[in-house]
Structure formats: structure tokens, C-alpha cells
């Protein structure tokens, strides 16, 4: 796939794709004309990179461990950093779940209030 095709398929700018490549997060080959050509796994890899960014991982964190996924070389340090990121995400999930529960309580209270208003207005 060409860079524009990967960009269109993922919703990521070509500039971001070049950034990913410069930092070893994405790999391409060059055509005879010098154009970047990405393999069939590029779209899925970019989507995964984007989901990691959305989860709050920094560029530095990605640069530190994502290339090992491509190469298959993993150190104890990389495993520890991955565990730390997972623990951070778990904490975010707990916080989001608590926030959702509070919102559910507010929605319930608002619905009870509305029901009371409807009953009072029908009298």
C-alpha cells in the first residue's frame, strides 16, 4: 500500500505515518520511484498505535517498546514497562467505571425528578 492509502484507511495523516516510520514504529519499503510501500499489516499496526496513543501512552513509551513487537526481541525492561502501562490503563478503567456509576446515579435521579414533574403537572 502507498502512504496515501494507509492514511485514508486509518484516518491518520501522512505526516504522522512518516513520524511513525522515523521512530521505528512502522516499516516501509521504497519503490523504484522512491515512494513508500507498506505491507498488508500496516493498517492494523497504525490502528494499534493510535489505540495506544488514545489510551494515554506517550510517544516515548511507544518508541521504547513497540519496535520489539516488530522484531520479536523483548527484554525484561520492556516487559516491565508494558506491565506498568497496563497497570496505568487498569487504573484509568477503574476511574472511568466509577465515573460511569456516578453518572448512572445522576441519570436515575433526573428521571425520578422528571417523573415527579409529570405526575404533578397532570393533577
Protein backbone atom coordinates (compact mmCIF):
# COMPACT_ATOMS: atom_id res chain seq x y z
CA UNK A 1 0.00 0.00 0.00
CA UNK A 2 1.13 3.55 -0.65
CA UNK A 3 1.28 6.10 2.14
CA UNK A 4 -1.90 7.85 0.98
CA UNK A 5 -3.79 4.57 1.02
CA UNK A 6 -2.67 3.79 4.56
CA UNK A 7 -3.58 7.32 5.63
CA UNK A 8 -7.04 7.03 4.08
CA UNK A 9 -7.66 3.59 5.59
CA UNK A 10 -6.66 4.69 9.09
CA UNK A 11 -7.65 8.35 9.22
CA UNK A 12 -4.06 9.23 10.14
CA UNK A 13 -2.17 11.95 8.30
CA UNK A 14 0.72 11.08 6.02
CA UNK A 15 2.88 13.25 8.26
CA UNK A 16 2.02 11.04 11.24
CA UNK A 17 2.84 7.94 9.21
CA UNK A 18 6.24 9.37 8.33
CA UNK A 19 6.76 10.19 12.01
CA UNK A 20 5.92 6.60 12.97
CA UNK A 21 8.39 5.37 10.40
CA UNK A 22 11.15 7.74 11.52
CA UNK A 23 10.77 6.40 15.06
CA UNK A 24 10.72 2.73 14.09
CA UNK A 25 7.03 2.21 14.83
CA UNK A 26 6.14 1.45 11.23
CA UNK A 27 8.19 -0.06 8.42
CA UNK A 28 8.01 0.61 4.70
CA UNK A 29 9.99 -0.24 1.63
CA UNK A 30 10.74 2.15 -1.21
CA UNK A 31 9.58 1.59 -4.76
CA UNK A 32 11.92 2.18 -7.69
CA UNK A 33 10.43 5.69 -7.87
CA UNK A 34 11.18 6.33 -4.18
CA UNK A 35 7.58 6.02 -2.96
CA UNK A 36 6.89 4.37 0.37
CA UNK A 37 5.21 0.98 0.17
CA UNK A 38 3.70 -0.54 3.29
CA UNK A 39 2.92 -4.19 3.88
CA UNK A 40 -0.54 -5.64 4.40
CA UNK A 41 -0.24 -5.34 8.19
CA UNK A 42 0.39 -1.58 8.13
CA UNK A 43 -3.25 -0.56 8.58
CA UNK A 44 -3.70 -2.79 11.62
CA UNK A 45 -0.39 -1.63 13.08
CA UNK A 46 -1.32 2.05 12.67
CA UNK A 47 -4.69 1.41 14.28
CA UNK A 48 -2.94 -0.27 17.19
CA UNK A 49 -0.51 2.65 17.53
CA UNK A 50 -3.47 5.03 17.55
CA UNK A 51 -5.28 2.99 20.19
CA UNK A 52 -2.16 3.04 22.37
CA UNK A 53 -1.99 6.82 21.97
CA UNK A 54 -5.69 7.06 22.84
CA UNK A 55 -5.01 5.02 25.98
CA UNK A 56 -2.57 7.69 27.05
CA UNK A 57 0.74 6.12 26.13
CA UNK A 58 3.34 8.66 25.15
CA UNK A 59 5.43 8.66 22.00
CA UNK A 60 8.46 7.86 24.14
CA UNK A 61 6.72 4.81 25.60
CA UNK A 62 5.75 3.57 22.17
CA UNK A 63 9.21 4.14 20.76
CA UNK A 64 10.60 2.23 23.73
CA UNK A 65 8.63 -0.95 23.29
CA UNK A 66 6.66 -1.11 20.06
CA UNK A 67 9.64 -1.89 17.82
CA UNK A 68 10.20 -5.07 19.84
CA UNK A 69 6.81 -6.27 18.66
CA UNK A 70 8.05 -5.99 15.09
CA UNK A 71 11.48 -7.52 15.74
CA UNK A 72 10.41 -10.07 18.32
CA UNK A 73 13.28 -9.05 20.63
CA UNK A 74 12.00 -8.48 24.14
CA UNK A 75 13.99 -7.63 27.27
CA UNK A 76 12.96 -7.80 30.92
CA UNK A 77 12.90 -3.99 30.94
CA UNK A 78 10.42 -3.91 28.07
CA UNK A 79 8.16 -6.42 29.81
CA UNK A 80 8.25 -4.32 32.99
CA UNK A 81 7.38 -1.14 31.08
CA UNK A 82 4.49 -2.95 29.38
CA UNK A 83 3.22 -4.10 32.78
CA UNK A 84 3.44 -0.54 34.11
CA UNK A 85 1.42 0.75 31.16
CA UNK A 86 -1.17 -1.98 31.69
CA UNK A 87 -1.48 -1.07 35.38
CA UNK A 88 -1.93 2.59 34.44
CA UNK A 89 -4.68 1.66 31.98
CA UNK A 90 -6.35 -0.56 34.61
CA UNK A 91 -6.42 2.43 36.98
CA UNK A 92 -7.97 4.56 34.23
CA UNK A 93 -10.62 1.88 33.67
CA UNK A 94 -11.46 1.83 37.38
CA UNK A 95 -11.76 5.62 37.42
CA UNK A 96 -13.93 5.62 34.29
CA UNK A 97 -16.14 2.89 35.73
CA UNK A 98 -16.64 4.90 38.95
CA UNK A 99 -17.47 7.99 36.89
CA UNK A 100 -19.97 6.00 34.82
CA UNK A 101 -21.60 4.69 38.01
CA UNK A 102 -21.97 8.27 39.32
CA UNK A 103 -23.49 9.34 36.02
CA UNK A 104 -25.95 6.44 36.22
CA UNK A 105 -26.98 7.69 39.66
CA UNK A 106 -27.49 11.20 38.31
CA UNK A 107 -29.50 9.89 35.35
CA UNK A 108 -31.69 7.88 37.72
CA UNK A 109 -32.24 10.88 39.97
CA UNK A 110 -33.03 13.09 36.97
CA UNK A 111 -35.52 10.55 35.62
CA UNK A 112 -37.23 10.31 39.03
CA UNK A 113 -37.39 14.10 39.14
CA UNK A 114 -38.92 14.20 35.64
CA UNK A 115 -41.46 11.54 36.60
CA UNK A 116 -42.41 13.61 39.63
CA UNK A 117 -42.83 16.71 37.44
CA UNK A 118 -45.05 14.80 35.02
CA UNK A 119 -47.21 13.47 37.86
CA UNK A 120 -47.53 16.95 39.39
CA UNK A 121 -48.42 18.57 36.04
CA UNK A 122 -51.14 16.01 35.31
CA UNK A 123 -53.01 16.85 38.51
